[in-house]
N, C-alpha and C. Protein backbone atom coordinates (compact mmCIF):
# COMPACT_ATOMS: atom_id res chain seq x y z
N UNK A 1 0.88 -1.36 0.02
CA UNK A 1 0.11 -0.26 0.37
C UNK A 1 0.75 1.32 -0.14
N UNK A 2 0.31 2.03 -0.65
CA UNK A 2 1.40 3.43 -1.15
C UNK A 2 0.88 4.71 0.27
N UNK A 3 2.28 5.62 0.91
CA UNK A 3 1.47 6.12 1.62
C UNK A 3 1.34 7.74 1.42
N UNK A 4 0.47 7.88 1.98
CA UNK A 4 0.16 9.49 1.01
C UNK A 4 0.21 10.50 2.23
N UNK A 5 1.14 11.91 1.99
CA UNK A 5 1.24 12.34 2.73
C UNK A 5 0.87 14.17 2.16
N UNK A 6 0.09 14.75 3.29
CA UNK A 6 0.03 16.17 3.29
C UNK A 6 0.83 17.46 3.14
N UNK A 7 1.12 17.93 2.28
CA UNK A 7 2.00 19.28 2.96
C UNK A 7 1.91 20.98 2.27
N UNK A 8 2.15 21.98 2.78
CA UNK A 8 1.49 22.88 2.77
C UNK A 8 2.69 24.00 2.28
N UNK A 9 3.25 24.96 1.40
CA UNK A 9 4.03 25.67 1.26
C UNK A 9 3.96 26.87 0.53
N UNK A 10 5.02 27.44 0.64
CA UNK A 10 5.03 28.64 -0.52
C UNK A 10 5.44 27.79 -2.26
N UNK A 11 5.69 28.37 -3.22
CA UNK A 11 6.13 27.66 -4.40
C UNK A 11 7.73 28.86 -4.70
N UNK A 12 8.50 28.13 -4.95
CA UNK A 12 9.85 29.21 -4.81
C UNK A 12 9.75 29.06 -6.37
N UNK A 13 10.50 30.28 -6.64
CA UNK A 13 11.44 30.63 -7.97
C UNK A 13 12.49 30.85 -7.68
N UNK A 14 13.33 29.65 -8.82
CA UNK A 14 15.08 29.38 -8.80
C UNK A 14 15.55 29.63 -9.83
N UNK A 15 16.26 30.59 -10.21
CA UNK A 15 16.94 30.62 -11.15
C UNK A 15 18.23 30.14 -11.83
N UNK A 16 18.26 29.34 -12.21
CA UNK A 16 19.53 28.03 -13.09
C UNK A 16 20.13 29.29 -14.12
N UNK A 17 21.35 28.36 -14.31
CA UNK A 17 21.54 28.86 -15.55
C UNK A 17 21.33 28.70 -16.84
N UNK A 18 20.53 27.80 -17.07
CA UNK A 18 20.07 27.87 -18.65
C UNK A 18 17.99 28.11 -18.24
N UNK A 19 17.81 28.14 -17.19
CA UNK A 19 16.12 27.96 -17.31
C UNK A 19 15.77 28.66 -15.69
N UNK A 20 14.77 28.65 -15.58
CA UNK A 20 13.79 29.01 -14.10
C UNK A 20 13.34 28.32 -14.08
N UNK A 21 13.27 27.48 -12.70
CA UNK A 21 12.59 26.36 -12.27
C UNK A 21 11.46 26.88 -10.78
N UNK A 22 10.70 26.43 -10.88
CA UNK A 22 9.46 26.56 -9.73
C UNK A 22 9.74 25.35 -8.99
N UNK A 23 9.24 25.35 -7.64
CA UNK A 23 9.56 24.00 -7.16
C UNK A 23 9.17 24.35 -5.29
N UNK A 24 8.53 23.48 -4.89
CA UNK A 24 8.04 23.22 -3.70
C UNK A 24 9.62 23.10 -2.35
N UNK A 25 9.66 23.35 -1.19
CA UNK A 25 10.42 22.47 -0.18
C UNK A 25 10.00 22.22 0.39
N UNK A 26 9.55 20.49 0.65
CA UNK A 26 9.04 19.74 1.73
C UNK A 26 9.99 19.50 2.84
N UNK A 27 9.59 20.05 3.74
CA UNK A 27 10.20 19.95 5.41
C UNK A 27 9.23 19.27 6.28
N UNK A 28 10.10 19.06 7.54
CA UNK A 28 9.56 18.95 8.77
C UNK A 28 8.84 16.96 8.55
N UNK A 29 7.76 16.89 9.21
CA UNK A 29 7.21 15.25 9.21
C UNK A 29 7.10 15.03 7.72
N UNK A 30 6.65 15.52 6.77
CA UNK A 30 6.63 15.04 5.40
C UNK A 30 7.77 14.80 4.86
N UNK A 31 9.20 15.63 5.05
CA UNK A 31 10.36 15.37 4.59
C UNK A 31 10.90 13.91 5.32
N UNK A 32 10.59 13.65 6.53
CA UNK A 32 11.32 12.96 7.33
C UNK A 32 10.40 11.26 6.72
N UNK A 33 9.07 11.51 6.57
CA UNK A 33 8.17 10.46 5.86
C UNK A 33 8.62 9.57 4.66
N UNK A 34 8.98 10.96 3.90
CA UNK A 34 9.54 10.58 2.43
C UNK A 34 11.15 10.16 2.54
N UNK A 35 12.33 10.30 3.59
CA UNK A 35 13.38 9.71 3.92
C UNK A 35 13.25 8.28 4.31
N UNK A 36 12.32 8.08 5.17
CA UNK A 36 12.09 6.71 5.40
C UNK A 36 11.63 5.80 4.48
N UNK A 37 10.57 6.33 4.02
CA UNK A 37 10.14 5.37 2.52
C UNK A 37 11.49 5.06 1.64
N UNK A 38 12.33 6.23 1.16
CA UNK A 38 13.37 5.57 0.82
C UNK A 38 14.69 4.78 0.85
N UNK A 39 14.69 5.03 2.21
CA UNK A 39 15.48 3.69 2.89
C UNK A 39 14.85 2.78 2.79
N UNK A 40 13.74 2.79 2.89
CA UNK A 40 12.98 0.95 3.16
C UNK A 40 13.19 0.77 1.33
N UNK A 41 12.44 1.79 0.61
CA UNK A 41 12.75 0.89 -1.11
C UNK A 41 14.15 0.62 -1.30
N UNK A 42 15.25 1.12 -0.86
CA UNK A 42 17.13 1.21 -1.38
C UNK A 42 16.95 -0.38 -0.78
N UNK A 43 16.65 -0.68 0.52
CA UNK A 43 16.99 -2.01 1.10
C UNK A 43 16.12 -3.12 0.10
N UNK A 44 14.99 -3.06 -0.26
CA UNK A 44 14.20 -3.68 -0.88
C UNK A 44 14.61 -4.10 -2.77
N UNK A 45 15.17 -3.00 -2.95
CA UNK A 45 16.13 -2.85 -4.12
C UNK A 45 17.21 -2.94 -4.04
N UNK A 46 17.82 -2.93 -3.42
CA UNK A 46 19.56 -3.40 -3.05
C UNK A 46 20.35 -1.90 -3.99
N UNK A 47 19.58 -0.69 -4.11
CA UNK A 47 19.94 0.31 -4.90
C UNK A 47 19.15 1.60 -4.36
N UNK A 48 20.35 2.63 -5.26
CA UNK A 48 19.36 3.85 -5.58
C UNK A 48 18.68 4.59 -6.42
N UNK A 49 17.55 5.42 -6.65
CA UNK A 49 17.42 5.65 -7.91
C UNK A 49 18.44 6.87 -8.14
N UNK A 50 17.78 7.45 -9.56
CA UNK A 50 19.05 8.65 -9.24
C UNK A 50 18.65 9.54 -8.86
N UNK A 51 20.01 10.13 -7.66
CA UNK A 51 19.78 11.17 -7.42
C UNK A 51 19.42 11.25 -5.86
N UNK A 52 19.18 9.61 -5.86
CA UNK A 52 18.30 9.37 -4.28
C UNK A 52 16.69 9.97 -4.37
N UNK A 53 16.06 10.16 -5.66
CA UNK A 53 14.87 10.66 -5.62
C UNK A 53 13.98 9.52 -5.18
N UNK A 54 12.62 10.00 -5.23
CA UNK A 54 11.32 9.01 -4.74
C UNK A 54 10.55 9.12 -6.08
N UNK A 55 9.83 8.22 -6.28
CA UNK A 55 8.68 8.63 -7.27
C UNK A 55 7.57 9.13 -6.57
N UNK A 56 6.46 9.33 -7.07
CA UNK A 56 5.63 9.78 -6.49
C UNK A 56 4.57 10.27 -7.26
N UNK A 57 3.31 10.33 -6.70
CA UNK A 57 2.03 11.08 -7.57
C UNK A 57 1.32 12.63 -6.97
N UNK A 58 1.61 13.26 -7.77
CA UNK A 58 2.04 14.59 -6.67
C UNK A 58 0.13 14.87 -7.22
N UNK A 59 -0.54 16.17 -6.14
CA UNK A 59 -1.72 16.59 -6.45
C UNK A 59 -1.63 17.84 -5.69
N UNK A 60 -1.89 18.95 -6.77
CA UNK A 60 -1.98 20.73 -6.30
C UNK A 60 -3.39 20.77 -6.92
N UNK A 61 -4.15 20.96 -6.13
CA UNK A 61 -5.77 21.70 -6.29
C UNK A 61 -6.30 20.36 -7.33
N UNK A 62 -6.69 20.80 -8.62
CA UNK A 62 -7.19 19.55 -9.36
C UNK A 62 -5.83 19.11 -10.28
N UNK A 63 -4.92 19.38 -10.29
CA UNK A 63 -4.08 19.00 -11.19
C UNK A 63 -2.82 17.83 -11.01
N UNK A 64 -3.03 16.79 -11.32
CA UNK A 64 -2.87 15.45 -10.74
C UNK A 64 -1.09 15.16 -11.72
N UNK A 65 -0.28 14.78 -11.67
CA UNK A 65 0.90 14.44 -11.96
C UNK A 65 1.76 13.17 -11.48
N UNK A 66 2.31 12.05 -11.94
CA UNK A 66 3.35 11.42 -11.84
C UNK A 66 4.78 11.80 -11.78
N UNK A 67 5.70 11.69 -11.17
CA UNK A 67 7.15 12.80 -10.98
C UNK A 67 8.00 12.08 -10.35
N UNK A 68 8.88 12.40 -9.59
CA UNK A 68 9.85 12.24 -8.30
C UNK A 68 10.08 13.77 -7.26
N UNK A 69 10.29 13.29 -6.44
CA UNK A 69 10.91 14.55 -5.59
C UNK A 69 12.41 14.16 -5.07
N UNK A 70 13.41 15.05 -5.06
CA UNK A 70 14.78 14.92 -4.68
C UNK A 70 15.08 15.46 -3.47
N UNK A 71 16.36 14.93 -3.02
CA UNK A 71 16.68 14.98 -1.24
C UNK A 71 17.76 16.40 -1.79
N UNK A 72 17.31 17.55 -0.48
CA UNK A 72 18.97 18.15 -0.63
C UNK A 72 19.18 17.51 0.33
N UNK A 73 20.59 18.61 0.77
CA UNK A 73 21.14 18.05 1.41
C UNK A 73 21.22 18.21 3.15
N UNK A 74 19.98 19.00 3.17
CA UNK A 74 19.86 19.56 4.61
C UNK A 74 18.50 19.16 5.01
N UNK A 75 18.16 17.88 4.29
CA UNK A 75 16.81 17.04 4.77
C UNK A 75 15.85 17.12 4.33
N UNK A 76 15.77 18.62 3.02
CA UNK A 76 14.30 18.85 2.39
C UNK A 76 14.28 17.94 1.58
N UNK A 77 13.13 17.92 0.97
CA UNK A 77 12.81 17.45 -0.49
C UNK A 77 12.79 18.31 -1.41
N UNK A 78 12.68 18.09 -2.82
CA UNK A 78 12.32 19.09 -3.73
C UNK A 78 11.43 18.69 -4.58
N UNK A 79 10.07 19.08 -4.96
CA UNK A 79 9.21 18.70 -6.08
C UNK A 79 9.04 19.96 -7.00
N UNK A 80 9.67 19.22 -8.49
CA UNK A 80 9.52 20.42 -9.15
C UNK A 80 8.29 21.04 -9.60
N UNK A 81 7.62 21.81 -10.21
CA UNK A 81 6.65 22.23 -10.50
C UNK A 81 6.77 22.87 -11.79
N UNK A 82 5.99 22.54 -12.64
CA UNK A 82 5.58 22.63 -14.40
C UNK A 82 5.05 23.75 -14.55
N UNK A 83 5.05 24.47 -15.51
CA UNK A 83 4.45 25.58 -16.19
C UNK A 83 2.75 25.25 -16.19
N UNK A 84 3.00 23.76 -17.05
CA UNK A 84 1.62 23.50 -16.80
C UNK A 84 0.78 23.64 -15.56
N UNK A 85 1.21 22.86 -14.30
CA UNK A 85 0.81 22.87 -13.17
C UNK A 85 0.36 24.48 -12.63
N UNK A 86 1.42 25.38 -12.69
CA UNK A 86 1.40 26.49 -12.36
C UNK A 86 0.94 27.36 -13.20
N UNK A 87 -0.11 27.14 -14.08
CA UNK A 87 -0.88 27.67 -15.23
C UNK A 87 -2.23 27.15 -14.50
N UNK A 88 -2.52 25.80 -14.81
CA UNK A 88 -3.90 25.31 -14.47
C UNK A 88 -4.46 25.61 -12.88
N UNK A 89 -3.39 26.15 -11.94
CA UNK A 89 -3.38 26.39 -10.64
C UNK A 89 -3.49 27.44 -10.42
N UNK A 90 -3.00 29.00 -11.19
CA UNK A 90 -3.10 29.83 -11.14
C UNK A 90 -2.17 29.86 -9.84
N UNK A 91 -0.95 29.21 -9.99
CA UNK A 91 -0.04 29.96 -9.03
C UNK A 91 1.35 30.58 -9.69
N UNK A 92 2.17 31.36 -8.63
CA UNK A 92 3.21 32.59 -9.19
C UNK A 92 4.18 32.08 -7.73
N UNK A 93 5.52 32.24 -7.85
CA UNK A 93 6.32 32.41 -6.95
C UNK A 93 5.70 33.36 -5.65
N UNK A 94 5.87 32.55 -4.47
CA UNK A 94 5.35 33.18 -3.57
C UNK A 94 4.14 32.48 -2.94
N UNK A 95 3.23 32.41 -4.06
CA UNK A 95 1.75 31.43 -3.32
C UNK A 95 2.08 30.15 -2.61
N UNK A 96 1.06 30.18 -1.74
CA UNK A 96 0.78 29.17 -1.04
C UNK A 96 0.29 27.72 -1.73
N UNK A 97 0.99 26.76 -1.60
CA UNK A 97 0.27 25.82 -2.43
C UNK A 97 0.46 24.65 -1.37
N UNK A 98 -1.31 23.88 -1.49
CA UNK A 98 -1.17 22.71 -1.07
C UNK A 98 -1.04 21.50 -1.69
N UNK A 99 -0.15 20.60 -1.43
CA UNK A 99 0.47 19.45 -1.99
C UNK A 99 -0.13 18.46 -1.15
N UNK A 100 -0.38 17.32 -2.20
CA UNK A 100 -0.85 16.32 -1.74
C UNK A 100 0.22 15.01 -2.51
N UNK A 101 0.93 14.19 -1.81
CA UNK A 101 1.72 12.87 -2.46
C UNK A 101 1.69 11.90 -1.96
N UNK A 102 1.78 11.27 -2.97
CA UNK A 102 1.14 9.53 -2.76
C UNK A 102 2.98 8.94 -2.96
N UNK A 103 3.81 8.15 -2.45
CA UNK A 103 4.51 7.56 -2.20
C UNK A 103 4.69 6.50 -3.00
N UNK A 104 5.14 6.36 -3.97
CA UNK A 104 5.05 5.26 -4.53
C UNK A 104 6.44 3.98 -4.77
């Protein structure tokens, strides 16, 4: 059975060298649950996924998509939020988003 987590946080804009990204930084109890899920999956599969990522089904508002979350060096996890999601949910940097993650 897959675990489902709820999180609320601001959409952050990050400017890379070649592109602009929007993301949610997941911390606290939700981040700890993702980290535990990743450790269990690593033991089951005998290795890590690329960059230590975890597959998820993400939902913001009415928009649902399959993606991955990525660990930071500080114990947080990052979820990239694409332009289609931002537009569909009328979000911009600084807006608070309500996120549901199903850990796959």
